[in-house]
Amino acid sequence: MIYLKSILAGVAAFVVTVIISSAAAISFMTHYPQLAQRIFPAQPFDIQWGAYYSPYFPLWQTVIVGLLAFVIAFIWMVTRASARM
């Protein structure tokens, strides 16, 4: 039961962290496009109707932040539960 609660707390922390960091990245891209082009490089796409550039969304960075939040929440819940026993 301890591990189930810890996993659920970790998953909740992962989801919340990924949503917040993704919203922050999107907000940063829309409000500061020149600076976002330097931080998140553009990817060229060509679909035979003309090439266009799309800013690179930092997906793997947000997932790493979410995994870090999962690990911290999981370890915190396990150590807190084992300290009560």
PDB file of N, CA and C in Angstrom:
ATOM      1  N   MET A   1       0.816  -1.188   0.000  1.00  0.00           N
ATOM      2  CA  MET A   1       0.000   0.000   0.000  1.00  0.00           C
ATOM      3  C   MET A   1       0.870   1.267   0.000  1.00  0.00           C
ATOM      4  N   ILE A   2       2.015   1.184   0.667  1.00  0.00           N
ATOM      5  CA  ILE A   2       2.912   2.340   0.715  1.00  0.00           C
ATOM      6  C   ILE A   2       3.405   2.678  -0.682  1.00  0.00           C
ATOM      7  N   TYR A   3       3.764   1.647  -1.442  1.00  0.00           N
ATOM      8  CA  TYR A   3       4.313   1.892  -2.770  1.00  0.00           C
ATOM      9  C   TYR A   3       3.240   2.374  -3.733  1.00  0.00           C
ATOM     10  N   LEU A   4       2.026   1.910  -3.569  1.00  0.00           N
ATOM     11  CA  LEU A   4       0.934   2.378  -4.432  1.00  0.00           C
ATOM     12  C   LEU A   4       0.675   3.869  -4.213  1.00  0.00           C
ATOM     13  N   LYS A   5       0.634   4.288  -2.954  1.00  0.00           N
ATOM     14  CA  LYS A   5       0.448   5.709  -2.660  1.00  0.00           C
ATOM     15  C   LYS A   5       1.626   6.530  -3.187  1.00  0.00           C
ATOM     16  N   SER A   6       2.822   5.984  -3.054  1.00  0.00           N
ATOM     17  CA  SER A   6       4.002   6.702  -3.528  1.00  0.00           C
ATOM     18  C   SER A   6       4.002   6.835  -5.043  1.00  0.00           C
ATOM     19  N   ILE A   7       3.605   5.782  -5.730  1.00  0.00           N
ATOM     20  CA  ILE A   7       3.529   5.833  -7.195  1.00  0.00           C
ATOM     21  C   ILE A   7       2.466   6.832  -7.639  1.00  0.00           C
ATOM     22  N   LEU A   8       1.311   6.832  -6.977  1.00  0.00           N
ATOM     23  CA  LEU A   8       0.260   7.783  -7.336  1.00  0.00           C
ATOM     24  C   LEU A   8       0.691   9.228  -7.072  1.00  0.00           C
ATOM     25  N   ALA A   9       1.392   9.450  -5.966  1.00  0.00           N
ATOM     26  CA  ALA A   9       1.900  10.803  -5.689  1.00  0.00           C
ATOM     27  C   ALA A   9       2.944  11.202  -6.730  1.00  0.00           C
ATOM     28  N   GLY A  10       3.795  10.263  -7.141  1.00  0.00           N
ATOM     29  CA  GLY A  10       4.789  10.545  -8.167  1.00  0.00           C
ATOM     30  C   GLY A  10       4.159  10.848  -9.515  1.00  0.00           C
ATOM     31  N   VAL A  11       3.134  10.087  -9.871  1.00  0.00           N
ATOM     32  CA  VAL A  11       2.438  10.328 -11.143  1.00  0.00           C
ATOM     33  C   VAL A  11       1.744  11.685 -11.130  1.00  0.00           C
ATOM     34  N   ALA A  12       1.140  12.025 -10.005  1.00  0.00           N
ATOM     35  CA  ALA A  12       0.490  13.337  -9.905  1.00  0.00           C
ATOM     36  C   ALA A  12       1.523  14.456 -10.023  1.00  0.00           C
ATOM     37  N   ALA A  13       2.659  14.288  -9.375  1.00  0.00           N
ATOM     38  CA  ALA A  13       3.723  15.303  -9.478  1.00  0.00           C
ATOM     39  C   ALA A  13       4.246  15.393 -10.905  1.00  0.00           C
ATOM     40  N   PHE A  14       4.385  14.255 -11.590  1.00  0.00           N
ATOM     41  CA  PHE A  14       4.839  14.239 -12.980  1.00  0.00           C
ATOM     42  C   PHE A  14       3.869  15.008 -13.876  1.00  0.00           C
ATOM     43  N   VAL A  15       2.599  14.706 -13.753  1.00  0.00           N
ATOM     44  CA  VAL A  15       1.592  15.339 -14.618  1.00  0.00           C
ATOM     45  C   VAL A  15       1.535  16.847 -14.378  1.00  0.00           C
ATOM     46  N   VAL A  16       1.516  17.247 -13.118  1.00  0.00           N
ATOM     47  CA  VAL A  16       1.432  18.669 -12.805  1.00  0.00           C
ATOM     48  C   VAL A  16       2.674  19.411 -13.300  1.00  0.00           C
ATOM     49  N   THR A  17       3.843  18.816 -13.093  1.00  0.00           N
ATOM     50  CA  THR A  17       5.089  19.466 -13.509  1.00  0.00           C
ATOM     51  C   THR A  17       5.180  19.585 -15.025  1.00  0.00           C
ATOM     52  N   VAL A  18       4.801  18.540 -15.754  1.00  0.00           N
ATOM     53  CA  VAL A  18       4.863  18.593 -17.213  1.00  0.00           C
ATOM     54  C   VAL A  18       3.869  19.619 -17.764  1.00  0.00           C
ATOM     55  N   ILE A  19       2.692  19.690 -17.193  1.00  0.00           N
ATOM     56  CA  ILE A  19       1.710  20.667 -17.660  1.00  0.00           C
ATOM     57  C   ILE A  19       2.195  22.096 -17.394  1.00  0.00           C
ATOM     58  N   ILE A  20       2.728  22.346 -16.209  1.00  0.00           N
ATOM     59  CA  ILE A  20       3.190  23.690 -15.876  1.00  0.00           C
ATOM     60  C   ILE A  20       4.390  24.089 -16.732  1.00  0.00           C
ATOM     61  N   SER A  21       5.355  23.181 -16.902  1.00  0.00           N
ATOM     62  CA  SER A  21       6.532  23.540 -17.698  1.00  0.00           C
ATOM     63  C   SER A  21       6.192  23.680 -19.181  1.00  0.00           C
ATOM     64  N   SER A  22       5.246  22.900 -19.687  1.00  0.00           N
ATOM     65  CA  SER A  22       4.818  23.051 -21.080  1.00  0.00           C
ATOM     66  C   SER A  22       4.087  24.377 -21.289  1.00  0.00           C
ATOM     67  N   ALA A  23       3.236  24.738 -20.344  1.00  0.00           N
ATOM     68  CA  ALA A  23       2.533  26.019 -20.449  1.00  0.00           C
ATOM     69  C   ALA A  23       3.516  27.182 -20.363  1.00  0.00           C
ATOM     70  N   ALA A  24       4.521  27.046 -19.518  1.00  0.00           N
ATOM     71  CA  ALA A  24       5.527  28.102 -19.418  1.00  0.00           C
ATOM     72  C   ALA A  24       6.330  28.223 -20.712  1.00  0.00           C
ATOM     73  N   ALA A  25       6.685  27.092 -21.333  1.00  0.00           N
ATOM     74  CA  ALA A  25       7.432  27.134 -22.593  1.00  0.00           C
ATOM     75  C   ALA A  25       6.594  27.747 -23.709  1.00  0.00           C
ATOM     76  N   ILE A  26       5.317  27.392 -23.792  1.00  0.00           N
ATOM     77  CA  ILE A  26       4.444  27.957 -24.821  1.00  0.00           C
ATOM     78  C   ILE A  26       4.251  29.456 -24.595  1.00  0.00           C
ATOM     79  N   SER A  27       4.067  29.855 -23.345  1.00  0.00           N
ATOM     80  CA  SER A  27       3.920  31.274 -23.036  1.00  0.00           C
ATOM     81  C   SER A  27       5.189  32.045 -23.382  1.00  0.00           C
ATOM     82  N   PHE A  28       6.334  31.459 -23.090  1.00  0.00           N
ATOM     83  CA  PHE A  28       7.606  32.096 -23.409  1.00  0.00           C
ATOM     84  C   PHE A  28       7.775  32.230 -24.916  1.00  0.00           C
ATOM     85  N   MET A  29       7.368  31.197 -25.671  1.00  0.00           N
ATOM     86  CA  MET A  29       7.503  31.243 -27.133  1.00  0.00           C
ATOM     87  C   MET A  29       6.605  32.307 -27.752  1.00  0.00           C
ATOM     88  N   THR A  30       5.425  32.519 -27.191  1.00  0.00           N
ATOM     89  CA  THR A  30       4.511  33.495 -27.786  1.00  0.00           C
ATOM     90  C   THR A  30       4.852  34.924 -27.385  1.00  0.00           C
ATOM     91  N   HIS A  31       5.360  35.131 -26.175  1.00  0.00           N
ATOM     92  CA  HIS A  31       5.640  36.492 -25.718  1.00  0.00           C
ATOM     93  C   HIS A  31       7.018  36.999 -26.138  1.00  0.00           C
ATOM     94  N   TYR A  32       7.982  36.119 -26.266  1.00  0.00           N
ATOM     95  CA  TYR A  32       9.346  36.511 -26.637  1.00  0.00           C
ATOM     96  C   TYR A  32       9.832  35.650 -27.805  1.00  0.00           C
ATOM     97  N   PRO A  33       9.310  35.855 -29.013  1.00  0.00           N
ATOM     98  CA  PRO A  33       9.661  34.958 -30.133  1.00  0.00           C
ATOM     99  C   PRO A  33      11.127  35.055 -30.561  1.00  0.00           C
ATOM    100  N   GLN A  34      11.732  36.234 -30.486  1.00  0.00           N
ATOM    101  CA  GLN A  34      13.133  36.354 -30.901  1.00  0.00           C
ATOM    102  C   GLN A  34      14.049  35.602 -29.938  1.00  0.00           C
ATOM    103  N   LEU A  35      13.790  35.711 -28.665  1.00  0.00           N
ATOM    104  CA  LEU A  35      14.592  34.996 -27.675  1.00  0.00           C
ATOM    105  C   LEU A  35      14.305  33.499 -27.715  1.00  0.00           C
ATOM    106  N   ALA A  36      13.066  33.130 -28.002  1.00  0.00           N
ATOM    107  CA  ALA A  36      12.714  31.711 -28.097  1.00  0.00           C
ATOM    108  C   ALA A  36      13.401  31.044 -29.289  1.00  0.00           C
ATOM    109  N   GLN A  37      13.621  31.790 -30.366  1.00  0.00           N
ATOM    110  CA  GLN A  37      14.333  31.221 -31.513  1.00  0.00           C
ATOM    111  C   GLN A  37      15.772  30.883 -31.160  1.00  0.00           C
ATOM    112  N   ARG A  38      16.373  31.630 -30.250  1.00  0.00           N
ATOM    113  CA  ARG A  38      17.746  31.328 -29.830  1.00  0.00           C
ATOM    114  C   ARG A  38      17.787  30.149 -28.872  1.00  0.00           C
ATOM    115  N   ILE A  39      16.804  30.069 -27.974  1.00  0.00           N
ATOM    116  CA  ILE A  39      16.800  28.996 -26.979  1.00  0.00           C
ATOM    117  C   ILE A  39      16.281  27.695 -27.582  1.00  0.00           C
ATOM    118  N   PHE A  40      15.164  27.762 -28.301  1.00  0.00           N
ATOM    119  CA  PHE A  40      14.571  26.594 -28.953  1.00  0.00           C
ATOM    120  C   PHE A  40      14.773  26.740 -30.455  1.00  0.00           C
ATOM    121  N   PRO A  41      15.773  26.094 -31.050  1.00  0.00           N
ATOM    122  CA  PRO A  41      16.059  26.321 -32.472  1.00  0.00           C
ATOM    123  C   PRO A  41      14.905  25.851 -33.362  1.00  0.00           C
ATOM    124  N   ALA A  42      14.792  26.498 -34.514  1.00  0.00           N
ATOM    125  CA  ALA A  42      13.721  26.175 -35.460  1.00  0.00           C
ATOM    126  C   ALA A  42      14.098  24.960 -36.289  1.00  0.00           C
ATOM    127  N   GLN A  43      13.105  24.180 -36.633  1.00  0.00           N
ATOM    128  CA  GLN A  43      13.279  23.001 -37.470  1.00  0.00           C
ATOM    129  C   GLN A  43      12.673  23.277 -38.841  1.00  0.00           C
ATOM    130  N   PRO A  44      13.440  23.105 -39.932  1.00  0.00           N
ATOM    131  CA  PRO A  44      12.857  23.334 -41.262  1.00  0.00           C
ATOM    132  C   PRO A  44      11.987  22.146 -41.695  1.00  0.00           C
ATOM    133  N   PHE A  45      10.823  22.437 -42.244  1.00  0.00           N
ATOM    134  CA  PHE A  45       9.926  21.416 -42.771  1.00  0.00           C
ATOM    135  C   PHE A  45       9.599  21.760 -44.210  1.00  0.00           C
ATOM    136  N   ASP A  46       9.599  20.775 -45.069  1.00  0.00           N
ATOM    137  CA  ASP A  46       9.271  20.990 -46.467  1.00  0.00           C
ATOM    138  C   ASP A  46       8.213  19.967 -46.858  1.00  0.00           C
ATOM    139  N   ILE A  47       7.013  20.442 -47.212  1.00  0.00           N
ATOM    140  CA  ILE A  47       5.923  19.538 -47.573  1.00  0.00           C
ATOM    141  C   ILE A  47       5.539  19.701 -49.045  1.00  0.00           C
ATOM    142  N   GLN A  48       6.504  20.111 -49.863  1.00  0.00           N
ATOM    143  CA  GLN A  48       6.372  20.268 -51.308  1.00  0.00           C
ATOM    144  C   GLN A  48       5.455  21.417 -51.712  1.00  0.00           C
ATOM    145  N   TRP A  49       4.900  22.146 -50.769  1.00  0.00           N
ATOM    146  CA  TRP A  49       4.113  23.337 -51.097  1.00  0.00           C
ATOM    147  C   TRP A  49       4.852  24.587 -50.671  1.00  0.00           C
ATOM    148  N   GLY A  50       6.017  24.397 -50.133  1.00  0.00           N
ATOM    149  CA  GLY A  50       6.800  25.508 -49.613  1.00  0.00           C
ATOM    150  C   GLY A  50       7.332  25.136 -48.239  1.00  0.00           C
ATOM    151  N   ALA A  51       8.520  25.533 -47.993  1.00  0.00           N
ATOM    152  CA  ALA A  51       9.137  25.213 -46.714  1.00  0.00           C
ATOM    153  C   ALA A  51       8.697  26.216 -45.647  1.00  0.00           C
ATOM    154  N   TYR A  52       8.634  25.765 -44.445  1.00  0.00           N
ATOM    155  CA  TYR A  52       8.341  26.651 -43.331  1.00  0.00           C
ATOM    156  C   TYR A  52       9.159  26.210 -42.124  1.00  0.00           C
ATOM    157  N   TYR A  53       9.308  27.099 -41.179  1.00  0.00           N
ATOM    158  CA  TYR A  53      10.075  26.814 -39.974  1.00  0.00           C
ATOM    159  C   TYR A  53       9.131  26.726 -38.781  1.00  0.00           C
ATOM    160  N   SER A  54       9.360  25.730 -37.990  1.00  0.00           N
ATOM    161  CA  SER A  54       8.562  25.537 -36.791  1.00  0.00           C
ATOM    162  C   SER A  54       9.487  25.547 -35.586  1.00  0.00           C
ATOM    163  N   PRO A  55       9.154  26.292 -34.550  1.00  0.00           N
ATOM    164  CA  PRO A  55      10.034  26.280 -33.377  1.00  0.00           C
ATOM    165  C   PRO A  55      10.021  24.907 -32.710  1.00  0.00           C
ATOM    166  N   TYR A  56      11.162  24.532 -32.237  1.00  0.00           N
ATOM    167  CA  TYR A  56      11.325  23.236 -31.595  1.00  0.00           C
ATOM    168  C   TYR A  56      10.725  23.307 -30.198  1.00  0.00           C
ATOM    169  N   PHE A  57       9.691  22.503 -29.943  1.00  0.00           N
ATOM    170  CA  PHE A  57       9.096  22.466 -28.616  1.00  0.00           C
ATOM    171  C   PHE A  57       9.957  21.586 -27.719  1.00  0.00           C
ATOM    172  N   PRO A  58      10.342  22.058 -26.544  1.00  0.00           N
ATOM    173  CA  PRO A  58      11.270  21.320 -25.679  1.00  0.00           C
ATOM    174  C   PRO A  58      10.593  20.154 -24.963  1.00  0.00           C
ATOM    175  N   LEU A  59      10.229  19.123 -25.701  1.00  0.00           N
ATOM    176  CA  LEU A  59       9.491  18.003 -25.110  1.00  0.00           C
ATOM    177  C   LEU A  59      10.353  17.186 -24.168  1.00  0.00           C
ATOM    178  N   TRP A  60      11.565  16.841 -24.587  1.00  0.00           N
ATOM    179  CA  TRP A  60      12.366  15.973 -23.728  1.00  0.00           C
ATOM    180  C   TRP A  60      12.814  16.697 -22.467  1.00  0.00           C
ATOM    181  N   GLN A  61      12.958  18.021 -22.516  1.00  0.00           N
ATOM    182  CA  GLN A  61      13.305  18.761 -21.306  1.00  0.00           C
ATOM    183  C   GLN A  61      12.157  18.746 -20.303  1.00  0.00           C
ATOM    184  N   THR A  62      10.925  18.885 -20.789  1.00  0.00           N
ATOM    185  CA  THR A  62       9.792  18.859 -19.876  1.00  0.00           C
ATOM    186  C   THR A  62       9.590  17.469 -19.291  1.00  0.00           C
ATOM    187  N   VAL A  63       9.867  16.430 -20.080  1.00  0.00           N
ATOM    188  CA  VAL A  63       9.745  15.065 -19.559  1.00  0.00           C
ATOM    189  C   VAL A  63      10.809  14.797 -18.499  1.00  0.00           C
ATOM    190  N   ILE A  64      12.014  15.300 -18.695  1.00  0.00           N
ATOM    191  CA  ILE A  64      13.071  15.115 -17.688  1.00  0.00           C
ATOM    192  C   ILE A  64      12.696  15.828 -16.386  1.00  0.00           C
ATOM    193  N   VAL A  65      12.147  17.025 -16.489  1.00  0.00           N
ATOM    194  CA  VAL A  65      11.703  17.742 -15.293  1.00  0.00           C
ATOM    195  C   VAL A  65      10.576  16.968 -14.605  1.00  0.00           C
ATOM    196  N   GLY A  66       9.671  16.407 -15.391  1.00  0.00           N
ATOM    197  CA  GLY A  66       8.583  15.600 -14.824  1.00  0.00           C
ATOM    198  C   GLY A  66       9.087  14.334 -14.155  1.00  0.00           C
ATOM    199  N   LEU A  67      10.066  13.666 -14.763  1.00  0.00           N
ATOM    200  CA  LEU A  67      10.635  12.463 -14.141  1.00  0.00           C
ATOM    201  C   LEU A  67      11.355  12.807 -12.842  1.00  0.00           C
ATOM    202  N   LEU A  68      12.033  13.938 -12.814  1.00  0.00           N
ATOM    203  CA  LEU A  68      12.680  14.380 -11.588  1.00  0.00           C
ATOM    204  C   LEU A  68      11.639  14.636 -10.495  1.00  0.00           C
ATOM    205  N   ALA A  69      10.518  15.250 -10.843  1.00  0.00           N
ATOM    206  CA  ALA A  69       9.441  15.482  -9.872  1.00  0.00           C
ATOM    207  C   ALA A  69       8.855  14.154  -9.399  1.00  0.00           C
ATOM    208  N   PHE A  70       8.716  13.173 -10.304  1.00  0.00           N
ATOM    209  CA  PHE A  70       8.214  11.854  -9.922  1.00  0.00           C
ATOM    210  C   PHE A  70       9.135  11.196  -8.911  1.00  0.00           C
ATOM    211  N   VAL A  71      10.430  11.217  -9.181  1.00  0.00           N
ATOM    212  CA  VAL A  71      11.398  10.580  -8.291  1.00  0.00           C
ATOM    213  C   VAL A  71      11.404  11.254  -6.922  1.00  0.00           C
ATOM    214  N   ILE A  72      11.379  12.570  -6.903  1.00  0.00           N
ATOM    215  CA  ILE A  72      11.379  13.288  -5.624  1.00  0.00           C
ATOM    216  C   ILE A  72      10.121  12.971  -4.818  1.00  0.00           C
ATOM    217  N   ALA A  73       8.957  12.987  -5.474  1.00  0.00           N
ATOM    218  CA  ALA A  73       7.709  12.692  -4.761  1.00  0.00           C
ATOM    219  C   ALA A  73       7.668  11.243  -4.294  1.00  0.00           C
ATOM    220  N   PHE A  74       8.139  10.314  -5.116  1.00  0.00           N
ATOM    221  CA  PHE A  74       8.138   8.901  -4.732  1.00  0.00           C
ATOM    222  C   PHE A  74       9.043   8.663  -3.523  1.00  0.00           C
ATOM    223  N   ILE A  75      10.258   9.191  -3.570  1.00  0.00           N
ATOM    224  CA  ILE A  75      11.191   8.995  -2.452  1.00  0.00           C
ATOM    225  C   ILE A  75      10.667   9.674  -1.196  1.00  0.00           C
ATOM    226  N   TRP A  76      10.088  10.854  -1.341  1.00  0.00           N
ATOM    227  CA  TRP A  76       9.555  11.559  -0.183  1.00  0.00           C
ATOM    228  C   TRP A  76       8.420  10.771   0.467  1.00  0.00           C
ATOM    229  N   MET A  77       7.517  10.222  -0.335  1.00  0.00           N
ATOM    230  CA  MET A  77       6.406   9.456   0.213  1.00  0.00           C
ATOM    231  C   MET A  77       6.880   8.150   0.861  1.00  0.00           C
ATOM    232  N   VAL A  78       7.835   7.484   0.261  1.00  0.00           N
ATOM    233  CA  VAL A  78       8.329   6.227   0.832  1.00  0.00           C
ATOM    234  C   VAL A  78       9.047   6.493   2.157  1.00  0.00           C
ATOM    235  N   THR A  79       9.892   7.501   2.205  1.00  0.00           N
ATOM    236  CA  THR A  79      10.626   7.768   3.446  1.00  0.00           C
ATOM    237  C   THR A  79       9.690   8.300   4.531  1.00  0.00           C
ATOM    238  N   ARG A  80       8.700   9.048   4.159  1.00  0.00           N
ATOM    239  CA  ARG A  80       7.735   9.549   5.145  1.00  0.00           C
ATOM    240  C   ARG A  80       6.889   8.411   5.716  1.00  0.00           C
ATOM    241  N   ALA A  81       6.514   7.456   4.863  1.00  0.00           N
ATOM    242  CA  ALA A  81       5.704   6.341   5.320  1.00  0.00           C
ATOM    243  C   ALA A  81       6.533   5.363   6.173  1.00  0.00           C
ATOM    244  N   SER A  82       7.797   5.139   5.802  1.00  0.00           N
ATOM    245  CA  SER A  82       8.618   4.205   6.568  1.00  0.00           C
ATOM    246  C   SER A  82       9.046   4.820   7.898  1.00  0.00           C
ATOM    247  N   ALA A  83       9.047   6.134   8.014  1.00  0.00           N
ATOM    248  CA  ALA A  83       9.424   6.776   9.276  1.00  0.00           C
ATOM    249  C   ALA A  83       8.309   6.636  10.311  1.00  0.00           C
ATOM    250  N   ARG A  84       7.058   6.490   9.849  1.00  0.00           N
ATOM    251  CA  ARG A  84       5.929   6.335  10.773  1.00  0.00           C
ATOM    252  C   ARG A  84       5.843   4.941  11.354  1.00  0.00           C
ATOM    253  N   MET A  85       6.413   3.971  10.698  1.00  0.00           N
ATOM    254  CA  MET A  85       6.288   2.587  11.160  1.00  0.00           C
ATOM    255  C   MET A  85       7.188   2.267  12.301  1.00  0.00           C
TER     256      MET A  85
END
